[in-house]
Amino acid sequence: MNPLAYITVILATILISTSAFAPSTPLTIAKGNTMSAPKTTLYEGLGFDENAKPLTRENEPDEYFSSPMDKMSDGEKLPIALAGLAFVSLPFIAGLAALYSSK
């Protein structure tokens, strides 16, 4: 093959590989297709209910979601927080102990 063919093959390879990353149109539609589905907007579960009353200070306590842990005092939450800290820390401490005892 001559050098011009090599250059052509290399340029074609670069063109093909880089065009794969080029942005495309958001929706590709056949030109002959004139029918389209009607556009609808769904707001299910997103809080966009038209009949919902706005949340105010007066009706907030009735609609407020609180977990059982939110109702606990800080003294009751402390053992749970310490247990979580120990759960995360103890594997690292055990690993260090195993590392240093193996020497």
PDB file of N, CA and C in Angstrom:
ATOM      1  N   MET A   1       0.843  -1.187   0.000  1.00  0.00           N
ATOM      2  CA  MET A   1       0.000   0.000   0.000  1.00  0.00           C
ATOM      3  C   MET A   1       0.884   1.243   0.000  1.00  0.00           C
ATOM      4  N   ASN A   2       0.363   2.230  -0.633  1.00  0.00           N
ATOM      5  CA  ASN A   2       1.122   3.465  -0.685  1.00  0.00           C
ATOM      6  C   ASN A   2       0.838   4.325   0.557  1.00  0.00           C
ATOM      7  N   PRO A   3       1.648   5.333   0.835  1.00  0.00           N
ATOM      8  CA  PRO A   3       1.473   6.163   2.032  1.00  0.00           C
ATOM      9  C   PRO A   3       0.134   6.896   2.069  1.00  0.00           C
ATOM     10  N   LEU A   4      -0.406   7.242   0.899  1.00  0.00           N
ATOM     11  CA  LEU A   4      -1.697   7.938   0.868  1.00  0.00           C
ATOM     12  C   LEU A   4      -2.811   7.037   1.382  1.00  0.00           C
ATOM     13  N   ALA A   5      -2.753   5.758   1.087  1.00  0.00           N
ATOM     14  CA  ALA A   5      -3.762   4.813   1.578  1.00  0.00           C
ATOM     15  C   ALA A   5      -3.662   4.651   3.087  1.00  0.00           C
ATOM     16  N   TYR A   6      -2.428   4.611   3.616  1.00  0.00           N
ATOM     17  CA  TYR A   6      -2.255   4.531   5.071  1.00  0.00           C
ATOM     18  C   TYR A   6      -2.840   5.749   5.770  1.00  0.00           C
ATOM     19  N   ILE A   7      -2.558   6.913   5.223  1.00  0.00           N
ATOM     20  CA  ILE A   7      -3.078   8.148   5.824  1.00  0.00           C
ATOM     21  C   ILE A   7      -4.598   8.172   5.760  1.00  0.00           C
ATOM     22  N   THR A   8      -5.155   7.714   4.640  1.00  0.00           N
ATOM     23  CA  THR A   8      -6.612   7.685   4.493  1.00  0.00           C
ATOM     24  C   THR A   8      -7.243   6.725   5.504  1.00  0.00           C
ATOM     25  N   VAL A   9      -6.641   5.579   5.706  1.00  0.00           N
ATOM     26  CA  VAL A   9      -7.160   4.606   6.666  1.00  0.00           C
ATOM     27  C   VAL A   9      -7.066   5.154   8.087  1.00  0.00           C
ATOM     28  N   ILE A  10      -5.966   5.789   8.415  1.00  0.00           N
ATOM     29  CA  ILE A  10      -5.802   6.357   9.759  1.00  0.00           C
ATOM     30  C   ILE A  10      -6.807   7.474  10.001  1.00  0.00           C
ATOM     31  N   LEU A  11      -6.970   8.364   9.027  1.00  0.00           N
ATOM     32  CA  LEU A  11      -7.940   9.457   9.185  1.00  0.00           C
ATOM     33  C   LEU A  11      -9.379   8.933   9.270  1.00  0.00           C
ATOM     34  N   ALA A  12      -9.696   7.905   8.500  1.00  0.00           N
ATOM     35  CA  ALA A  12     -11.041   7.325   8.566  1.00  0.00           C
ATOM     36  C   ALA A  12     -11.276   6.682   9.927  1.00  0.00           C
ATOM     37  N   THR A  13     -10.259   6.016  10.465  1.00  0.00           N
ATOM     38  CA  THR A  13     -10.380   5.402  11.787  1.00  0.00           C
ATOM     39  C   THR A  13     -10.587   6.460  12.856  1.00  0.00           C
ATOM     40  N   ILE A  14      -9.831   7.543  12.779  1.00  0.00           N
ATOM     41  CA  ILE A  14      -9.998   8.636  13.754  1.00  0.00           C
ATOM     42  C   ILE A  14     -11.371   9.263  13.624  1.00  0.00           C
ATOM     43  N   LEU A  15     -11.825   9.481  12.398  1.00  0.00           N
ATOM     44  CA  LEU A  15     -13.141  10.088  12.180  1.00  0.00           C
ATOM     45  C   LEU A  15     -14.254   9.206  12.732  1.00  0.00           C
ATOM     46  N   ILE A  16     -14.176   7.914  12.491  1.00  0.00           N
ATOM     47  CA  ILE A  16     -15.207   6.991  12.964  1.00  0.00           C
ATOM     48  C   ILE A  16     -15.198   6.906  14.487  1.00  0.00           C
ATOM     49  N   SER A  17     -14.014   6.830  15.080  1.00  0.00           N
ATOM     50  CA  SER A  17     -13.949   6.682  16.532  1.00  0.00           C
ATOM     51  C   SER A  17     -14.354   7.959  17.255  1.00  0.00           C
ATOM     52  N   THR A  18     -14.053   9.125  16.698  1.00  0.00           N
ATOM     53  CA  THR A  18     -14.431  10.372  17.377  1.00  0.00           C
ATOM     54  C   THR A  18     -15.881  10.741  17.119  1.00  0.00           C
ATOM     55  N   SER A  19     -16.455  10.308  16.038  1.00  0.00           N
ATOM     56  CA  SER A  19     -17.853  10.636  15.795  1.00  0.00           C
ATOM     57  C   SER A  19     -18.786   9.847  16.707  1.00  0.00           C
ATOM     58  N   ALA A  20     -18.264   8.807  17.327  1.00  0.00           N
ATOM     59  CA  ALA A  20     -19.085   8.049  18.268  1.00  0.00           C
ATOM     60  C   ALA A  20     -19.386   8.862  19.513  1.00  0.00           C
ATOM     61  N   PHE A  21     -18.544   9.847  19.828  1.00  0.00           N
ATOM     62  CA  PHE A  21     -18.749  10.668  21.012  1.00  0.00           C
ATOM     63  C   PHE A  21     -19.414  11.994  20.708  1.00  0.00           C
ATOM     64  N   ALA A  22     -19.751  12.255  19.464  1.00  0.00           N
ATOM     65  CA  ALA A  22     -20.392  13.508  19.092  1.00  0.00           C
ATOM     66  C   ALA A  22     -21.820  13.524  19.631  1.00  0.00           C
ATOM     67  N   PRO A  23     -22.278  14.679  20.112  1.00  0.00           N
ATOM     68  CA  PRO A  23     -23.656  14.741  20.621  1.00  0.00           C
ATOM     69  C   PRO A  23     -24.647  14.543  19.485  1.00  0.00           C
ATOM     70  N   SER A  24     -25.718  13.878  19.810  1.00  0.00           N
ATOM     71  CA  SER A  24     -26.745  13.631  18.812  1.00  0.00           C
ATOM     72  C   SER A  24     -28.006  14.385  19.215  1.00  0.00           C
ATOM     73  N   THR A  25     -28.981  14.357  18.355  1.00  0.00           N
ATOM     74  CA  THR A  25     -30.245  15.010  18.672  1.00  0.00           C
ATOM     75  C   THR A  25     -30.926  14.244  19.796  1.00  0.00           C
ATOM     76  N   PRO A  26     -31.710  14.927  20.636  1.00  0.00           N
ATOM     77  CA  PRO A  26     -32.336  14.228  21.752  1.00  0.00           C
ATOM     78  C   PRO A  26     -33.320  13.150  21.333  1.00  0.00           C
ATOM     79  N   LEU A  27     -33.957  13.330  20.193  1.00  0.00           N
ATOM     80  CA  LEU A  27     -34.932  12.344  19.759  1.00  0.00           C
ATOM     81  C   LEU A  27     -34.830  12.218  18.250  1.00  0.00           C
ATOM     82  N   THR A  28     -34.532  11.046  17.788  1.00  0.00           N
ATOM     83  CA  THR A  28     -34.423  10.825  16.357  1.00  0.00           C
ATOM     84  C   THR A  28     -35.755  10.275  15.869  1.00  0.00           C
ATOM     85  N   ILE A  29     -36.376  11.000  14.959  1.00  0.00           N
ATOM     86  CA  ILE A  29     -37.691  10.620  14.436  1.00  0.00           C
ATOM     87  C   ILE A  29     -37.569  10.456  12.919  1.00  0.00           C
ATOM     88  N   ALA A  30     -38.199   9.429  12.408  1.00  0.00           N
ATOM     89  CA  ALA A  30     -38.207   9.225  10.963  1.00  0.00           C
ATOM     90  C   ALA A  30     -38.928  10.390  10.301  1.00  0.00           C
ATOM     91  N   LYS A  31     -38.421  10.851   9.167  1.00  0.00           N
ATOM     92  CA  LYS A  31     -39.002  12.026   8.513  1.00  0.00           C
ATOM     93  C   LYS A  31     -40.413  11.774   8.010  1.00  0.00           C
ATOM     94  N   GLY A  32     -40.751  10.563   7.685  1.00  0.00           N
ATOM     95  CA  GLY A  32     -42.074  10.277   7.170  1.00  0.00           C
ATOM     96  C   GLY A  32     -43.123  10.155   8.263  1.00  0.00           C
ATOM     97  N   ASN A  33     -42.712  10.074   9.505  1.00  0.00           N
ATOM     98  CA  ASN A  33     -43.640   9.889  10.618  1.00  0.00           C
ATOM     99  C   ASN A  33     -44.187  11.239  11.057  1.00  0.00           C
ATOM    100  N   THR A  34     -45.469  11.483  10.807  1.00  0.00           N
ATOM    101  CA  THR A  34     -46.072  12.758  11.205  1.00  0.00           C
ATOM    102  C   THR A  34     -46.931  12.609  12.443  1.00  0.00           C
ATOM    103  N   MET A  35     -47.209  11.372  12.855  1.00  0.00           N
ATOM    104  CA  MET A  35     -48.034  11.163  14.039  1.00  0.00           C
ATOM    105  C   MET A  35     -47.174  11.261  15.285  1.00  0.00           C
ATOM    106  N   SER A  36     -47.704  11.903  16.303  1.00  0.00           N
ATOM    107  CA  SER A  36     -46.972  11.967  17.558  1.00  0.00           C
ATOM    108  C   SER A  36     -47.965  11.797  18.700  1.00  0.00           C
ATOM    109  N   ALA A  37     -47.470  11.279  19.767  1.00  0.00           N
ATOM    110  CA  ALA A  37     -48.316  11.070  20.935  1.00  0.00           C
ATOM    111  C   ALA A  37     -48.562  12.413  21.620  1.00  0.00           C
ATOM    112  N   PRO A  38     -49.728  12.588  22.228  1.00  0.00           N
ATOM    113  CA  PRO A  38     -49.982  13.837  22.932  1.00  0.00           C
ATOM    114  C   PRO A  38     -49.061  13.964  24.148  1.00  0.00           C
ATOM    115  N   LYS A  39     -48.632  15.176  24.401  1.00  0.00           N
ATOM    116  CA  LYS A  39     -47.727  15.402  25.518  1.00  0.00           C
ATOM    117  C   LYS A  39     -48.538  15.527  26.805  1.00  0.00           C
ATOM    118  N   THR A  40     -48.180  14.718  27.756  1.00  0.00           N
ATOM    119  CA  THR A  40     -48.834  14.776  29.051  1.00  0.00           C
ATOM    120  C   THR A  40     -47.782  14.964  30.120  1.00  0.00           C
ATOM    121  N   THR A  41     -48.181  15.587  31.191  1.00  0.00           N
ATOM    122  CA  THR A  41     -47.274  15.806  32.300  1.00  0.00           C
ATOM    123  C   THR A  41     -47.819  15.069  33.501  1.00  0.00           C
ATOM    124  N   LEU A  42     -47.001  14.201  34.065  1.00  0.00           N
ATOM    125  CA  LEU A  42     -47.396  13.430  35.229  1.00  0.00           C
ATOM    126  C   LEU A  42     -46.680  13.974  36.450  1.00  0.00           C
ATOM    127  N   TYR A  43     -47.427  14.250  37.488  1.00  0.00           N
ATOM    128  CA  TYR A  43     -46.853  14.747  38.727  1.00  0.00           C
ATOM    129  C   TYR A  43     -47.176  13.827  39.888  1.00  0.00           C
ATOM    130  N   GLU A  44     -47.285  12.551  39.634  1.00  0.00           N
ATOM    131  CA  GLU A  44     -47.659  11.626  40.683  1.00  0.00           C
ATOM    132  C   GLU A  44     -46.510  11.429  41.663  1.00  0.00           C
ATOM    133  N   GLY A  45     -46.799  11.624  42.925  1.00  0.00           N
ATOM    134  CA  GLY A  45     -45.828  11.370  43.960  1.00  0.00           C
ATOM    135  C   GLY A  45     -44.781  12.439  44.136  1.00  0.00           C
ATOM    136  N   LEU A  46     -44.897  13.550  43.435  1.00  0.00           N
ATOM    137  CA  LEU A  46     -43.888  14.589  43.537  1.00  0.00           C
ATOM    138  C   LEU A  46     -44.362  15.787  44.345  1.00  0.00           C
ATOM    139  N   GLY A  47     -45.543  15.737  44.888  1.00  0.00           N
ATOM    140  CA  GLY A  47     -46.035  16.838  45.690  1.00  0.00           C
ATOM    141  C   GLY A  47     -46.670  17.946  44.880  1.00  0.00           C
ATOM    142  N   PHE A  48     -47.017  17.679  43.633  1.00  0.00           N
ATOM    143  CA  PHE A  48     -47.620  18.695  42.786  1.00  0.00           C
ATOM    144  C   PHE A  48     -49.134  18.499  42.670  1.00  0.00           C
ATOM    145  N   ASP A  49     -49.739  18.040  43.709  1.00  0.00           N
ATOM    146  CA  ASP A  49     -51.179  17.809  43.683  1.00  0.00           C
ATOM    147  C   ASP A  49     -51.902  19.153  43.694  1.00  0.00           C
ATOM    148  N   GLU A  50     -52.843  19.328  42.772  1.00  0.00           N
ATOM    149  CA  GLU A  50     -53.543  20.608  42.678  1.00  0.00           C
ATOM    150  C   GLU A  50     -54.471  20.851  43.863  1.00  0.00           C
ATOM    151  N   ASN A  51     -54.991  19.798  44.483  1.00  0.00           N
ATOM    152  CA  ASN A  51     -55.942  19.942  45.562  1.00  0.00           C
ATOM    153  C   ASN A  51     -55.290  19.980  46.942  1.00  0.00           C
ATOM    154  N   ALA A  52     -54.003  19.853  47.001  1.00  0.00           N
ATOM    155  CA  ALA A  52     -53.322  19.806  48.297  1.00  0.00           C
ATOM    156  C   ALA A  52     -53.254  21.199  48.900  1.00  0.00           C
ATOM    157  N   LYS A  53     -53.469  21.244  50.206  1.00  0.00           N
ATOM    158  CA  LYS A  53     -53.372  22.541  50.876  1.00  0.00           C
ATOM    159  C   LYS A  53     -51.912  22.815  51.201  1.00  0.00           C
ATOM    160  N   PRO A  54     -51.508  24.082  51.148  1.00  0.00           N
ATOM    161  CA  PRO A  54     -50.105  24.385  51.412  1.00  0.00           C
ATOM    162  C   PRO A  54     -49.753  24.130  52.876  1.00  0.00           C
ATOM    163  N   LEU A  55     -48.532  23.790  53.112  1.00  0.00           N
ATOM    164  CA  LEU A  55     -48.057  23.497  54.449  1.00  0.00           C
ATOM    165  C   LEU A  55     -47.754  24.810  55.168  1.00  0.00           C
ATOM    166  N   THR A  56     -48.391  25.023  56.295  1.00  0.00           N
ATOM    167  CA  THR A  56     -48.174  26.240  57.090  1.00  0.00           C
ATOM    168  C   THR A  56     -47.796  25.852  58.502  1.00  0.00           C
ATOM    169  N   ARG A  57     -47.488  26.838  59.321  1.00  0.00           N
ATOM    170  CA  ARG A  57     -47.130  26.560  60.713  1.00  0.00           C
ATOM    171  C   ARG A  57     -48.301  25.976  61.485  1.00  0.00           C
ATOM    172  N   GLU A  58     -49.487  26.376  61.118  1.00  0.00           N
ATOM    173  CA  GLU A  58     -50.659  25.910  61.863  1.00  0.00           C
ATOM    174  C   GLU A  58     -50.962  24.441  61.589  1.00  0.00           C
ATOM    175  N   ASN A  59     -50.825  23.979  60.353  1.00  0.00           N
ATOM    176  CA  ASN A  59     -51.153  22.587  60.057  1.00  0.00           C
ATOM    177  C   ASN A  59     -49.915  21.697  59.968  1.00  0.00           C
ATOM    178  N   GLU A  60     -48.738  22.228  60.223  1.00  0.00           N
ATOM    179  CA  GLU A  60     -47.510  21.447  60.123  1.00  0.00           C
ATOM    180  C   GLU A  60     -47.428  20.311  61.126  1.00  0.00           C
ATOM    181  N   PRO A  61     -47.736  20.488  62.411  1.00  0.00           N
ATOM    182  CA  PRO A  61     -47.606  19.360  63.335  1.00  0.00           C
ATOM    183  C   PRO A  61     -48.492  18.169  62.979  1.00  0.00           C
ATOM    184  N   ASP A  62     -49.628  18.404  62.316  1.00  0.00           N
ATOM    185  CA  ASP A  62     -50.518  17.302  61.949  1.00  0.00           C
ATOM    186  C   ASP A  62     -49.939  16.482  60.794  1.00  0.00           C
ATOM    187  N   GLU A  63     -49.162  17.087  59.898  1.00  0.00           N
ATOM    188  CA  GLU A  63     -48.668  16.407  58.718  1.00  0.00           C
ATOM    189  C   GLU A  63     -47.181  16.069  58.813  1.00  0.00           C
ATOM    190  N   TYR A  64     -46.568  16.351  59.920  1.00  0.00           N
ATOM    191  CA  TYR A  64     -45.130  16.127  60.067  1.00  0.00           C
ATOM    192  C   TYR A  64     -44.852  14.660  60.290  1.00  0.00           C
ATOM    193  N   PHE A  65     -43.917  14.111  59.529  1.00  0.00           N
ATOM    194  CA  PHE A  65     -43.514  12.718  59.703  1.00  0.00           C
ATOM    195  C   PHE A  65     -42.335  12.675  60.660  1.00  0.00           C
ATOM    196  N   SER A  66     -42.444  11.881  61.670  1.00  0.00           N
ATOM    197  CA  SER A  66     -41.322  11.711  62.587  1.00  0.00           C
ATOM    198  C   SER A  66     -41.168  10.221  62.887  1.00  0.00           C
ATOM    199  N   SER A  67     -39.927   9.805  62.915  1.00  0.00           N
ATOM    200  CA  SER A  67     -39.637   8.414  63.225  1.00  0.00           C
ATOM    201  C   SER A  67     -39.605   8.236  64.737  1.00  0.00           C
ATOM    202  N   PRO A  68     -39.645   7.009  65.223  1.00  0.00           N
ATOM    203  CA  PRO A  68     -39.562   6.794  66.667  1.00  0.00           C
ATOM    204  C   PRO A  68     -38.256   7.328  67.262  1.00  0.00           C
ATOM    205  N   MET A  69     -37.193   7.357  66.472  1.00  0.00           N
ATOM    206  CA  MET A  69     -35.926   7.874  66.990  1.00  0.00           C
ATOM    207  C   MET A  69     -35.967   9.392  67.144  1.00  0.00           C
ATOM    208  N   ASP A  70     -36.782  10.086  66.344  1.00  0.00           N
ATOM    209  CA  ASP A  70     -36.925  11.528  66.498  1.00  0.00           C
ATOM    210  C   ASP A  70     -37.580  11.882  67.825  1.00  0.00           C
ATOM    211  N   LYS A  71     -38.379  10.992  68.343  1.00  0.00           N
ATOM    212  CA  LYS A  71     -39.088  11.244  69.598  1.00  0.00           C
ATOM    213  C   LYS A  71     -38.225  10.937  70.820  1.00  0.00           C
ATOM    214  N   MET A  72     -37.068  10.288  70.618  1.00  0.00           N
ATOM    215  CA  MET A  72     -36.197   9.932  71.736  1.00  0.00           C
ATOM    216  C   MET A  72     -35.395  11.150  72.184  1.00  0.00           C
ATOM    217  N   SER A  73     -35.003  11.164  73.446  1.00  0.00           N
ATOM    218  CA  SER A  73     -34.153  12.241  73.943  1.00  0.00           C
ATOM    219  C   SER A  73     -32.706  11.967  73.531  1.00  0.00           C
ATOM    220  N   ASP A  74     -31.852  12.969  73.712  1.00  0.00           N
ATOM    221  CA  ASP A  74     -30.449  12.798  73.334  1.00  0.00           C
ATOM    222  C   ASP A  74     -29.759  11.736  74.187  1.00  0.00           C
ATOM    223  N   GLY A  75     -30.162  11.615  75.433  1.00  0.00           N
ATOM    224  CA  GLY A  75     -29.577  10.592  76.299  1.00  0.00           C
ATOM    225  C   GLY A  75     -29.902   9.188  75.835  1.00  0.00           C
ATOM    226  N   GLU A  76     -31.071   9.007  75.253  1.00  0.00           N
ATOM    227  CA  GLU A  76     -31.454   7.695  74.741  1.00  0.00           C
ATOM    228  C   GLU A  76     -30.785   7.388  73.398  1.00  0.00           C
ATOM    229  N   LYS A  77     -30.427   8.440  72.649  1.00  0.00           N
ATOM    230  CA  LYS A  77     -29.786   8.248  71.353  1.00  0.00           C
ATOM    231  C   LYS A  77     -28.288   7.979  71.485  1.00  0.00           C
ATOM    232  N   LEU A  78     -27.664   8.379  72.568  1.00  0.00           N
ATOM    233  CA  LEU A  78     -26.221   8.261  72.736  1.00  0.00           C
ATOM    234  C   LEU A  78     -25.712   6.828  72.620  1.00  0.00           C
ATOM    235  N   PRO A  79     -26.336   5.817  73.263  1.00  0.00           N
ATOM    236  CA  PRO A  79     -25.837   4.438  73.089  1.00  0.00           C
ATOM    237  C   PRO A  79     -25.919   3.944  71.641  1.00  0.00           C
ATOM    238  N   ILE A  80     -26.928   4.390  70.919  1.00  0.00           N
ATOM    239  CA  ILE A  80     -27.061   3.984  69.518  1.00  0.00           C
ATOM    240  C   ILE A  80     -25.938   4.596  68.689  1.00  0.00           C
ATOM    241  N   ALA A  81     -25.616   5.864  68.967  1.00  0.00           N
ATOM    242  CA  ALA A  81     -24.536   6.531  68.241  1.00  0.00           C
ATOM    243  C   ALA A  81     -23.186   5.890  68.561  1.00  0.00           C
ATOM    244  N   LEU A  82     -22.953   5.561  69.813  1.00  0.00           N
ATOM    245  CA  LEU A  82     -21.695   4.913  70.188  1.00  0.00           C
ATOM    246  C   LEU A  82     -21.580   3.514  69.593  1.00  0.00           C
ATOM    247  N   ALA A  83     -22.682   2.802  69.529  1.00  0.00           N
ATOM    248  CA  ALA A  83     -22.666   1.472  68.909  1.00  0.00           C
ATOM    249  C   ALA A  83     -22.335   1.581  67.418  1.00  0.00           C
ATOM    250  N   GLY A  84     -22.862   2.583  66.751  1.00  0.00           N
ATOM    251  CA  GLY A  84     -22.537   2.791  65.339  1.00  0.00           C
ATOM    252  C   GLY A  84     -21.074   3.126  65.139  1.00  0.00           C
ATOM    253  N   LEU A  85     -20.527   3.961  66.016  1.00  0.00           N
ATOM    254  CA  LEU A  85     -19.112   4.302  65.941  1.00  0.00           C
ATOM    255  C   LEU A  85     -18.241   3.071  66.185  1.00  0.00           C
ATOM    256  N   ALA A  86     -18.620   2.251  67.151  1.00  0.00           N
ATOM    257  CA  ALA A  86     -17.865   1.029  67.428  1.00  0.00           C
ATOM    258  C   ALA A  86     -17.970   0.052  66.259  1.00  0.00           C
ATOM    259  N   PHE A  87     -19.135  -0.030  65.643  1.00  0.00           N
ATOM    260  CA  PHE A  87     -19.350  -0.922  64.510  1.00  0.00           C
ATOM    261  C   PHE A  87     -18.415  -0.566  63.351  1.00  0.00           C
ATOM    262  N   VAL A  88     -18.165   0.730  63.163  1.00  0.00           N
ATOM    263  CA  VAL A  88     -17.288   1.162  62.083  1.00  0.00           C
ATOM    264  C   VAL A  88     -15.822   1.027  62.486  1.00  0.00           C
ATOM    265  N   SER A  89     -15.488   1.324  63.723  1.00  0.00           N
ATOM    266  CA  SER A  89     -14.090   1.397  64.159  1.00  0.00           C
ATOM    267  C   SER A  89     -13.469   0.048  64.493  1.00  0.00           C
ATOM    268  N   LEU A  90     -14.218  -0.856  65.085  1.00  0.00           N
ATOM    269  CA  LEU A  90     -13.639  -2.117  65.566  1.00  0.00           C
ATOM    270  C   LEU A  90     -12.988  -2.971  64.479  1.00  0.00           C
ATOM    271  N   PRO A  91     -13.513  -3.068  63.269  1.00  0.00           N
ATOM    272  CA  PRO A  91     -12.799  -3.858  62.256  1.00  0.00           C
ATOM    273  C   PRO A  91     -11.404  -3.298  61.933  1.00  0.00           C
ATOM    274  N   PHE A  92     -11.258  -1.973  61.949  1.00  0.00           N
ATOM    275  CA  PHE A  92      -9.951  -1.388  61.693  1.00  0.00           C
ATOM    276  C   PHE A  92      -8.994  -1.653  62.853  1.00  0.00           C
ATOM    277  N   ILE A  93      -9.490  -1.564  64.065  1.00  0.00           N
ATOM    278  CA  ILE A  93      -8.656  -1.845  65.235  1.00  0.00           C
ATOM    279  C   ILE A  93      -8.238  -3.316  65.244  1.00  0.00           C
ATOM    280  N   ALA A  94      -9.167  -4.197  64.914  1.00  0.00           N
ATOM    281  CA  ALA A  94      -8.836  -5.630  64.850  1.00  0.00           C
ATOM    282  C   ALA A  94      -7.819  -5.893  63.732  1.00  0.00           C
ATOM    283  N   GLY A  95      -7.934  -5.213  62.617  1.00  0.00           N
ATOM    284  CA  GLY A  95      -6.984  -5.375  61.544  1.00  0.00           C
ATOM    285  C   GLY A  95      -5.591  -4.890  61.931  1.00  0.00           C
ATOM    286  N   LEU A  96      -5.519  -3.762  62.644  1.00  0.00           N
ATOM    287  CA  LEU A  96      -4.226  -3.289  63.121  1.00  0.00           C
ATOM    288  C   LEU A  96      -3.602  -4.256  64.116  1.00  0.00           C
ATOM    289  N   ALA A  97      -4.422  -4.780  65.011  1.00  0.00           N
ATOM    290  CA  ALA A  97      -3.926  -5.758  65.986  1.00  0.00           C
ATOM    291  C   ALA A  97      -3.385  -7.002  65.283  1.00  0.00           C
ATOM    292  N   ALA A  98      -4.095  -7.470  64.270  1.00  0.00           N
ATOM    293  CA  ALA A  98      -3.641  -8.643  63.531  1.00  0.00           C
ATOM    294  C   ALA A  98      -2.378  -8.338  62.752  1.00  0.00           C
ATOM    295  N   LEU A  99      -2.269  -7.140  62.225  1.00  0.00           N
ATOM    296  CA  LEU A  99      -1.090  -6.757  61.467  1.00  0.00           C
ATOM    297  C   LEU A  99       0.152  -6.705  62.351  1.00  0.00           C
ATOM    298  N   TYR A 100       0.024  -6.090  63.503  1.00  0.00           N
ATOM    299  CA  TYR A 100       1.188  -5.949  64.392  1.00  0.00           C
ATOM    300  C   TYR A 100       1.524  -7.255  65.124  1.00  0.00           C
ATOM    301  N   SER A 101       0.536  -8.114  65.334  1.00  0.00           N
ATOM    302  CA  SER A 101       0.840  -9.376  66.009  1.00  0.00           C
ATOM    303  C   SER A 101       1.502 -10.384  65.072  1.00  0.00           C
ATOM    304  N   SER A 102       1.407 -10.153  63.772  1.00  0.00           N
ATOM    305  CA  SER A 102       1.994 -11.094  62.824  1.00  0.00           C
ATOM    306  C   SER A 102       3.491 -10.865  62.635  1.00  0.00           C
ATOM    307  N   LYS A 103       4.041  -9.806  63.179  1.00  0.00           N
ATOM    308  CA  LYS A 103       5.486  -9.524  62.999  1.00  0.00           C
ATOM    309  C   LYS A 103       6.350 -10.300  63.920  1.00  0.00           C
TER     310      LYS A 103
END
